[in-house]
Every structure is written in C-alpha cells, then in structure tokens.
Amino acid sequence: MSNGFRGIFTLALVLVIIIAFSLGFKNLFTPPPPTVEVTAATLDPNTININQIAILSITAKSNDKSKSHFLRIEFESHVLITFLIGDQNLPYESGKWYFTQSINPSATMTQPFGVKGTLESGIAELKYQISVNFYLDGNQFDSKTFVLTVKR
C-alpha cells in the first residue's frame, strides 16, 4: 500500500468514526418523545352568552408503538361552568369534572367537550378560568389554561 493511499484511507476512517460518534452523541442528548402528548387544545368561541356552549377540543397522540395507556383529563373551573360530551355532563368528583379514555398504540384521538356557563343574578359578564390537567397512567404530564367569558 502506498503512503498516499494509506493517508487517504486513514483520513476517511477517522471521518467515519467522527461522524458515527457525533450521531451517537446526538441520540444520547436528544430526549425521546413523550409517551403521550397533547398536540392541540382549543376553546372556541371563548365568549358565550348564558347557557350557550363553547367547544373545548383536545387532541392527544400516543408515541408508544407497543402499549395502550390510560388517559384521564380533569377540568377545574367555577361551579357555574359545566363540561359535557354531547348533551351529557361529564362525571364530577372532588370539585373536578373528568374524562377517561384508553389510548391505543400510535393512535391520535381528538375529543370535543362542550363547555356551558351561567351567571349569578345581577352579574352581566364574568370571565371564568378553566384549568385542564392531563394524566397518563395516573401521573400528570401536561396542563392547559383557558379563559371563558360568559355574558347575559
């Protein structure tokens, strides 16, 4: 083997090793995607009249390709705010409305929730904060906050 060829071969081998290590280090420092993530959460409209319904739409995506997971979504707000699926109230427990669903491997689910509000007598308009907490297999992994204005 000539010295020129040996030098080029050594340089190429060093470059391959450097590239391999840099790709390996990149993978070490890039966190894996979350098991399940909330990819969208919207409240539309954010202003309603008494007893009208706004839609709070949630989209969640499972990045787990092999296992289903248990998703629980909890809604907290003022007692004059009600959360529904269709025309049925969500279950209510310990001051929170909640929804539970199993999310299959690699699935994306979108769930619209109705949000209805009312006002106490003599109040013309009020802004209500809505906190939405997301739990996966019993552990909180995300939260979102919305403001709903209710008018007479």
N, C-alpha and C. Protein backbone atom coordinates (compact mmCIF):
# COMPACT_ATOMS: atom_id res chain seq x y z
N MET A 1 0.86 -1.18 0.00
CA MET A 1 0.00 0.00 0.00
C MET A 1 0.90 1.23 0.00
N SER A 2 0.60 2.17 -0.85
CA SER A 2 1.43 3.36 -0.93
C SER A 2 1.09 4.30 0.23
N ASN A 3 2.04 5.19 0.54
CA ASN A 3 1.82 6.13 1.65
C ASN A 3 0.66 7.07 1.37
N GLY A 4 0.46 7.50 0.13
CA GLY A 4 -0.64 8.39 -0.22
C GLY A 4 -1.99 7.71 -0.02
N PHE A 5 -2.09 6.47 -0.46
CA PHE A 5 -3.34 5.73 -0.29
C PHE A 5 -3.61 5.47 1.19
N ARG A 6 -2.56 5.11 1.93
CA ARG A 6 -2.69 4.85 3.37
C ARG A 6 -3.17 6.11 4.09
N GLY A 7 -2.66 7.28 3.71
CA GLY A 7 -3.07 8.55 4.32
C GLY A 7 -4.53 8.86 4.04
N ILE A 8 -4.97 8.66 2.79
CA ILE A 8 -6.37 8.90 2.42
C ILE A 8 -7.27 7.92 3.16
N PHE A 9 -6.85 6.65 3.22
CA PHE A 9 -7.64 5.63 3.92
C PHE A 9 -7.77 5.99 5.41
N THR A 10 -6.68 6.41 6.03
CA THR A 10 -6.70 6.78 7.45
C THR A 10 -7.60 7.98 7.68
N LEU A 11 -7.50 8.98 6.80
CA LEU A 11 -8.35 10.17 6.92
C LEU A 11 -9.83 9.80 6.77
N ALA A 12 -10.15 8.95 5.81
CA ALA A 12 -11.54 8.52 5.60
C ALA A 12 -12.04 7.75 6.82
N LEU A 13 -11.20 6.88 7.36
CA LEU A 13 -11.58 6.10 8.54
C LEU A 13 -11.83 7.02 9.74
N VAL A 14 -10.99 8.00 9.95
CA VAL A 14 -11.16 8.97 11.04
C VAL A 14 -12.47 9.74 10.85
N LEU A 15 -12.76 10.18 9.62
CA LEU A 15 -14.02 10.90 9.36
C LEU A 15 -15.23 10.02 9.64
N VAL A 16 -15.20 8.77 9.25
CA VAL A 16 -16.31 7.85 9.51
C VAL A 16 -16.50 7.68 11.02
N ILE A 17 -15.43 7.54 11.75
CA ILE A 17 -15.52 7.39 13.21
C ILE A 17 -16.08 8.65 13.84
N ILE A 18 -15.63 9.82 13.39
CA ILE A 18 -16.13 11.09 13.94
C ILE A 18 -17.64 11.23 13.66
N ILE A 19 -18.04 10.93 12.44
CA ILE A 19 -19.47 11.03 12.10
C ILE A 19 -20.29 10.05 12.93
N ALA A 20 -19.82 8.84 13.08
CA ALA A 20 -20.54 7.84 13.87
C ALA A 20 -20.68 8.29 15.33
N PHE A 21 -19.61 8.80 15.91
CA PHE A 21 -19.68 9.28 17.29
C PHE A 21 -20.61 10.48 17.43
N SER A 22 -20.55 11.40 16.46
CA SER A 22 -21.41 12.59 16.56
C SER A 22 -22.88 12.20 16.45
N LEU A 23 -23.21 11.26 15.60
CA LEU A 23 -24.60 10.79 15.51
C LEU A 23 -25.01 10.08 16.80
N GLY A 24 -24.11 9.30 17.35
CA GLY A 24 -24.40 8.62 18.62
C GLY A 24 -24.61 9.59 19.75
N PHE A 25 -23.77 10.63 19.83
CA PHE A 25 -23.93 11.63 20.89
C PHE A 25 -25.20 12.43 20.71
N LYS A 26 -25.56 12.72 19.46
CA LYS A 26 -26.81 13.44 19.21
C LYS A 26 -27.99 12.64 19.77
N ASN A 27 -28.00 11.34 19.53
CA ASN A 27 -29.08 10.49 20.05
C ASN A 27 -29.08 10.42 21.57
N LEU A 28 -27.90 10.50 22.16
CA LEU A 28 -27.81 10.47 23.62
C LEU A 28 -28.41 11.72 24.24
N PHE A 29 -28.26 12.87 23.58
CA PHE A 29 -28.70 14.13 24.14
C PHE A 29 -30.06 14.60 23.62
N THR A 30 -30.64 13.89 22.69
CA THR A 30 -31.97 14.21 22.20
C THR A 30 -32.97 13.38 23.00
N PRO A 31 -33.82 14.05 23.76
CA PRO A 31 -34.75 13.27 24.57
C PRO A 31 -35.75 12.52 23.69
N PRO A 32 -36.19 11.36 24.13
CA PRO A 32 -37.19 10.64 23.36
C PRO A 32 -38.52 11.40 23.42
N PRO A 33 -39.37 11.19 22.44
CA PRO A 33 -40.67 11.88 22.50
C PRO A 33 -41.45 11.38 23.71
N PRO A 34 -42.34 12.20 24.27
CA PRO A 34 -43.13 11.74 25.40
C PRO A 34 -44.01 10.57 24.99
N THR A 35 -44.37 9.74 25.95
CA THR A 35 -45.20 8.57 25.67
C THR A 35 -46.51 9.00 25.01
N VAL A 36 -47.18 9.98 25.59
CA VAL A 36 -48.38 10.58 25.02
C VAL A 36 -48.22 12.08 25.14
N GLU A 37 -48.62 12.81 24.11
CA GLU A 37 -48.52 14.26 24.16
C GLU A 37 -49.83 14.89 23.70
N VAL A 38 -50.12 16.06 24.27
CA VAL A 38 -51.27 16.85 23.83
C VAL A 38 -50.78 17.69 22.67
N THR A 39 -51.31 17.42 21.49
CA THR A 39 -50.83 18.12 20.30
C THR A 39 -51.67 19.35 19.96
N ALA A 40 -52.89 19.41 20.51
CA ALA A 40 -53.74 20.59 20.27
C ALA A 40 -54.77 20.69 21.39
N ALA A 41 -55.07 21.92 21.77
CA ALA A 41 -56.12 22.20 22.76
C ALA A 41 -56.66 23.59 22.47
N THR A 42 -57.94 23.66 22.13
CA THR A 42 -58.53 24.95 21.77
C THR A 42 -59.90 25.12 22.43
N LEU A 43 -60.26 26.37 22.69
CA LEU A 43 -61.58 26.74 23.20
C LEU A 43 -62.19 27.70 22.19
N ASP A 44 -63.34 27.31 21.61
CA ASP A 44 -63.95 28.13 20.56
C ASP A 44 -65.46 28.10 20.67
N PRO A 45 -66.14 29.23 20.76
CA PRO A 45 -65.55 30.56 20.97
C PRO A 45 -65.13 30.71 22.43
N ASN A 46 -64.41 31.76 22.74
CA ASN A 46 -64.02 31.99 24.13
C ASN A 46 -64.95 32.98 24.83
N THR A 47 -65.99 33.44 24.12
CA THR A 47 -67.04 34.27 24.72
C THR A 47 -68.39 33.70 24.31
N ILE A 48 -69.26 33.45 25.31
CA ILE A 48 -70.59 32.91 25.03
C ILE A 48 -71.63 33.66 25.85
N ASN A 49 -72.88 33.53 25.45
CA ASN A 49 -73.99 34.02 26.26
C ASN A 49 -74.41 32.90 27.21
N ILE A 50 -75.17 33.27 28.24
CA ILE A 50 -75.63 32.28 29.22
C ILE A 50 -76.23 31.07 28.52
N ASN A 51 -75.84 29.90 28.98
CA ASN A 51 -76.33 28.60 28.54
C ASN A 51 -76.02 28.27 27.08
N GLN A 52 -75.20 29.09 26.41
CA GLN A 52 -74.66 28.67 25.12
C GLN A 52 -73.51 27.72 25.39
N ILE A 53 -73.04 27.07 24.36
CA ILE A 53 -71.96 26.09 24.54
C ILE A 53 -70.75 26.47 23.69
N ALA A 54 -69.60 26.48 24.33
CA ALA A 54 -68.32 26.61 23.63
C ALA A 54 -67.75 25.19 23.49
N ILE A 55 -66.86 25.00 22.56
CA ILE A 55 -66.24 23.68 22.36
C ILE A 55 -64.77 23.75 22.76
N LEU A 56 -64.42 22.92 23.73
CA LEU A 56 -63.02 22.75 24.13
C LEU A 56 -62.57 21.45 23.48
N SER A 57 -61.71 21.56 22.48
CA SER A 57 -61.28 20.39 21.72
C SER A 57 -59.85 20.02 22.11
N ILE A 58 -59.66 18.74 22.40
CA ILE A 58 -58.36 18.22 22.83
C ILE A 58 -57.91 17.15 21.84
N THR A 59 -56.67 17.24 21.39
CA THR A 59 -56.08 16.19 20.57
C THR A 59 -54.85 15.67 21.29
N ALA A 60 -54.80 14.34 21.45
CA ALA A 60 -53.67 13.68 22.11
C ALA A 60 -53.12 12.61 21.17
N LYS A 61 -51.81 12.43 21.21
CA LYS A 61 -51.14 11.47 20.34
C LYS A 61 -50.27 10.54 21.16
N SER A 62 -50.40 9.24 20.91
CA SER A 62 -49.55 8.26 21.58
C SER A 62 -48.31 8.02 20.73
N ASN A 63 -47.15 8.16 21.33
CA ASN A 63 -45.88 7.87 20.65
C ASN A 63 -45.38 6.47 20.99
N ASP A 64 -46.14 5.75 21.81
CA ASP A 64 -45.79 4.38 22.18
C ASP A 64 -46.34 3.46 21.10
N LYS A 65 -45.47 2.69 20.49
CA LYS A 65 -45.88 1.83 19.38
C LYS A 65 -46.33 0.45 19.82
N SER A 66 -46.19 0.13 21.11
CA SER A 66 -46.48 -1.24 21.52
C SER A 66 -47.51 -1.38 22.64
N LYS A 67 -47.88 -0.30 23.32
CA LYS A 67 -48.70 -0.44 24.51
C LYS A 67 -49.79 0.63 24.57
N SER A 68 -50.98 0.24 25.02
CA SER A 68 -52.06 1.20 25.29
C SER A 68 -51.81 1.87 26.63
N HIS A 69 -52.38 3.06 26.80
CA HIS A 69 -52.24 3.78 28.05
C HIS A 69 -53.59 4.34 28.48
N PHE A 70 -53.72 4.60 29.77
CA PHE A 70 -54.94 5.14 30.36
C PHE A 70 -54.79 6.65 30.49
N LEU A 71 -55.64 7.39 29.77
CA LEU A 71 -55.61 8.85 29.78
C LEU A 71 -56.78 9.37 30.60
N ARG A 72 -56.49 10.30 31.50
CA ARG A 72 -57.53 10.97 32.29
C ARG A 72 -57.34 12.47 32.10
N ILE A 73 -58.43 13.15 31.78
CA ILE A 73 -58.41 14.60 31.63
C ILE A 73 -59.33 15.18 32.69
N GLU A 74 -58.80 16.09 33.51
CA GLU A 74 -59.59 16.73 34.57
C GLU A 74 -59.77 18.21 34.25
N PHE A 75 -60.99 18.69 34.49
CA PHE A 75 -61.34 20.08 34.23
C PHE A 75 -61.71 20.74 35.55
N GLU A 76 -61.10 21.89 35.83
CA GLU A 76 -61.42 22.65 37.03
C GLU A 76 -61.84 24.06 36.63
N SER A 77 -62.94 24.52 37.24
CA SER A 77 -63.40 25.88 37.00
C SER A 77 -64.40 26.24 38.10
N HIS A 78 -65.09 27.34 37.90
CA HIS A 78 -66.13 27.80 38.82
C HIS A 78 -67.31 26.82 38.79
N VAL A 79 -68.08 26.77 39.86
CA VAL A 79 -69.22 25.85 39.94
C VAL A 79 -70.30 26.17 38.90
N LEU A 80 -70.29 27.37 38.32
CA LEU A 80 -71.28 27.73 37.31
C LEU A 80 -70.86 27.35 35.89
N ILE A 81 -69.75 26.63 35.77
CA ILE A 81 -69.28 26.11 34.48
C ILE A 81 -69.50 24.60 34.48
N THR A 82 -70.08 24.10 33.38
CA THR A 82 -70.38 22.68 33.23
C THR A 82 -69.67 22.14 31.99
N PHE A 83 -69.16 20.92 32.08
CA PHE A 83 -68.46 20.27 30.97
C PHE A 83 -69.29 19.08 30.49
N LEU A 84 -69.38 18.92 29.17
CA LEU A 84 -70.24 17.89 28.59
C LEU A 84 -69.56 17.16 27.44
N ILE A 85 -70.05 15.95 27.18
CA ILE A 85 -69.80 15.26 25.91
C ILE A 85 -71.18 15.08 25.30
N GLY A 86 -71.36 15.66 24.13
CA GLY A 86 -72.71 15.68 23.55
C GLY A 86 -73.61 16.47 24.47
N ASP A 87 -74.73 15.87 24.87
CA ASP A 87 -75.63 16.56 25.81
C ASP A 87 -75.56 15.98 27.22
N GLN A 88 -74.55 15.15 27.48
CA GLN A 88 -74.38 14.51 28.79
C GLN A 88 -73.25 15.18 29.57
N ASN A 89 -73.55 15.52 30.84
CA ASN A 89 -72.50 16.08 31.71
C ASN A 89 -71.39 15.04 31.91
N LEU A 90 -70.16 15.53 31.98
CA LEU A 90 -69.06 14.65 32.37
C LEU A 90 -69.23 14.26 33.83
N PRO A 91 -68.63 13.16 34.26
CA PRO A 91 -68.65 12.82 35.69
C PRO A 91 -67.96 13.92 36.51
N TYR A 92 -68.43 14.11 37.73
CA TYR A 92 -67.92 15.17 38.62
C TYR A 92 -67.53 14.53 39.94
N GLU A 93 -66.30 14.82 40.39
CA GLU A 93 -65.81 14.19 41.62
C GLU A 93 -64.78 15.11 42.28
N SER A 94 -64.94 15.35 43.56
CA SER A 94 -63.99 16.16 44.33
C SER A 94 -63.73 17.53 43.69
N GLY A 95 -64.77 18.17 43.19
CA GLY A 95 -64.64 19.50 42.63
C GLY A 95 -64.07 19.55 41.23
N LYS A 96 -63.98 18.39 40.55
CA LYS A 96 -63.41 18.34 39.20
C LYS A 96 -64.31 17.50 38.29
N TRP A 97 -64.45 17.99 37.07
CA TRP A 97 -65.09 17.21 36.02
C TRP A 97 -63.98 16.36 35.41
N TYR A 98 -64.30 15.16 34.92
CA TYR A 98 -63.23 14.35 34.35
C TYR A 98 -63.72 13.47 33.20
N PHE A 99 -62.76 13.07 32.39
CA PHE A 99 -62.99 12.20 31.24
C PHE A 99 -61.87 11.18 31.23
N THR A 100 -62.18 9.92 31.00
CA THR A 100 -61.15 8.87 30.92
C THR A 100 -61.28 8.13 29.59
N GLN A 101 -60.13 7.72 29.10
CA GLN A 101 -60.11 7.02 27.80
C GLN A 101 -58.81 6.23 27.70
N SER A 102 -58.89 5.05 27.14
CA SER A 102 -57.68 4.30 26.82
C SER A 102 -57.20 4.80 25.45
N ILE A 103 -55.91 5.04 25.33
CA ILE A 103 -55.36 5.48 24.05
C ILE A 103 -54.45 4.37 23.53
N ASN A 104 -54.77 3.89 22.34
CA ASN A 104 -54.08 2.73 21.76
C ASN A 104 -52.69 3.10 21.24
N PRO A 105 -51.84 2.08 21.02
CA PRO A 105 -50.50 2.35 20.49
C PRO A 105 -50.55 3.15 19.19
N SER A 106 -49.71 4.16 19.10
CA SER A 106 -49.55 5.01 17.92
C SER A 106 -50.83 5.73 17.48
N ALA A 107 -51.84 5.78 18.33
CA ALA A 107 -53.12 6.40 17.97
C ALA A 107 -53.10 7.91 18.26
N THR A 108 -53.92 8.61 17.50
CA THR A 108 -54.20 10.02 17.76
C THR A 108 -55.70 10.12 18.01
N MET A 109 -56.08 10.78 19.09
CA MET A 109 -57.51 10.94 19.39
C MET A 109 -57.84 12.41 19.53
N THR A 110 -58.97 12.81 19.01
CA THR A 110 -59.47 14.16 19.19
C THR A 110 -60.83 14.05 19.87
N GLN A 111 -60.99 14.77 20.97
CA GLN A 111 -62.24 14.72 21.73
C GLN A 111 -62.74 16.13 21.97
N PRO A 112 -63.93 16.46 21.43
CA PRO A 112 -64.52 17.77 21.74
C PRO A 112 -65.37 17.69 23.01
N PHE A 113 -65.25 18.68 23.85
CA PHE A 113 -66.05 18.80 25.07
C PHE A 113 -66.87 20.07 24.99
N GLY A 114 -68.13 19.98 25.36
CA GLY A 114 -68.94 21.18 25.45
C GLY A 114 -68.66 21.87 26.78
N VAL A 115 -68.65 23.20 26.76
CA VAL A 115 -68.45 23.98 27.98
C VAL A 115 -69.60 24.99 28.04
N LYS A 116 -70.40 24.87 29.10
CA LYS A 116 -71.57 25.74 29.26
C LYS A 116 -71.39 26.54 30.53
N GLY A 117 -71.77 27.82 30.49
CA GLY A 117 -71.64 28.66 31.67
C GLY A 117 -72.90 29.46 31.93
N THR A 118 -73.07 29.84 33.17
CA THR A 118 -74.17 30.70 33.56
C THR A 118 -73.64 31.77 34.51
N LEU A 119 -74.49 32.68 34.91
CA LEU A 119 -74.10 33.78 35.80
C LEU A 119 -75.06 33.87 36.97
N GLU A 120 -74.56 34.36 38.08
CA GLU A 120 -75.43 34.64 39.22
C GLU A 120 -76.29 35.85 38.89
N SER A 121 -77.41 35.96 39.56
CA SER A 121 -78.34 37.07 39.34
C SER A 121 -77.63 38.41 39.55
N GLY A 122 -77.88 39.36 38.64
CA GLY A 122 -77.32 40.69 38.76
C GLY A 122 -75.95 40.87 38.13
N ILE A 123 -75.32 39.81 37.70
CA ILE A 123 -74.00 39.88 37.05
C ILE A 123 -74.22 39.89 35.54
N ALA A 124 -73.62 40.86 34.85
CA ALA A 124 -73.81 40.99 33.41
C ALA A 124 -72.79 40.18 32.60
N GLU A 125 -71.57 40.06 33.14
CA GLU A 125 -70.50 39.38 32.42
C GLU A 125 -69.44 38.95 33.41
N LEU A 126 -68.84 37.79 33.16
CA LEU A 126 -67.79 37.29 34.04
C LEU A 126 -66.83 36.42 33.24
N LYS A 127 -65.55 36.52 33.59
CA LYS A 127 -64.52 35.67 32.97
C LYS A 127 -64.22 34.52 33.93
N TYR A 128 -64.29 33.31 33.41
CA TYR A 128 -64.02 32.11 34.19
C TYR A 128 -62.73 31.46 33.69
N GLN A 129 -61.85 31.13 34.63
CA GLN A 129 -60.64 30.39 34.26
C GLN A 129 -60.97 28.91 34.24
N ILE A 130 -60.46 28.23 33.23
CA ILE A 130 -60.63 26.78 33.10
C ILE A 130 -59.24 26.16 33.09
N SER A 131 -58.99 25.28 34.04
CA SER A 131 -57.72 24.55 34.08
C SER A 131 -57.98 23.12 33.64
N VAL A 132 -57.15 22.64 32.73
CA VAL A 132 -57.28 21.28 32.22
C VAL A 132 -55.97 20.56 32.53
N ASN A 133 -56.08 19.46 33.28
CA ASN A 133 -54.90 18.68 33.65
C ASN A 133 -54.98 17.31 33.00
N PHE A 134 -53.83 16.85 32.49
CA PHE A 134 -53.76 15.59 31.76
C PHE A 134 -52.93 14.59 32.55
N TYR A 135 -53.48 13.38 32.70
CA TYR A 135 -52.81 12.31 33.45
C TYR A 135 -52.66 11.09 32.55
N LEU A 136 -51.50 10.47 32.60
CA LEU A 136 -51.23 9.26 31.85
C LEU A 136 -50.87 8.17 32.84
N ASP A 137 -51.68 7.13 32.86
CA ASP A 137 -51.46 6.02 33.79
C ASP A 137 -51.30 6.52 35.23
N GLY A 138 -52.07 7.56 35.58
CA GLY A 138 -52.08 8.09 36.94
C GLY A 138 -51.10 9.22 37.23
N ASN A 139 -50.23 9.56 36.29
CA ASN A 139 -49.22 10.61 36.50
C ASN A 139 -49.51 11.81 35.61
N GLN A 140 -49.53 13.02 36.21
CA GLN A 140 -49.78 14.22 35.43
C GLN A 140 -48.61 14.46 34.48
N PHE A 141 -48.96 14.76 33.20
CA PHE A 141 -47.91 15.02 32.22
C PHE A 141 -48.08 16.34 31.48
N ASP A 142 -49.23 17.01 31.63
CA ASP A 142 -49.43 18.28 30.93
C ASP A 142 -50.59 19.02 31.58
N SER A 143 -50.69 20.32 31.30
CA SER A 143 -51.83 21.12 31.74
C SER A 143 -52.00 22.28 30.77
N LYS A 144 -53.23 22.75 30.67
CA LYS A 144 -53.57 23.89 29.82
C LYS A 144 -54.53 24.77 30.60
N THR A 145 -54.53 26.06 30.29
CA THR A 145 -55.43 27.00 30.94
C THR A 145 -56.14 27.83 29.87
N PHE A 146 -57.44 28.02 30.07
CA PHE A 146 -58.26 28.80 29.16
C PHE A 146 -59.07 29.80 29.96
N VAL A 147 -59.57 30.84 29.28
CA VAL A 147 -60.48 31.81 29.91
C VAL A 147 -61.73 31.84 29.05
N LEU A 148 -62.88 31.62 29.71
CA LEU A 148 -64.18 31.67 29.05
C LEU A 148 -64.96 32.86 29.61
N THR A 149 -65.39 33.74 28.71
CA THR A 149 -66.22 34.89 29.13
C THR A 149 -67.68 34.52 28.90
N VAL A 150 -68.49 34.71 29.94
CA VAL A 150 -69.93 34.44 29.85
C VAL A 150 -70.66 35.77 30.04
N LYS A 151 -71.60 36.03 29.11
CA LYS A 151 -72.37 37.28 29.14
C LYS A 151 -73.87 36.97 29.23
N ARG A 152 -74.61 37.97 29.68
CA ARG A 152 -76.09 37.87 29.66
C ARG A 152 -76.60 38.18 28.29
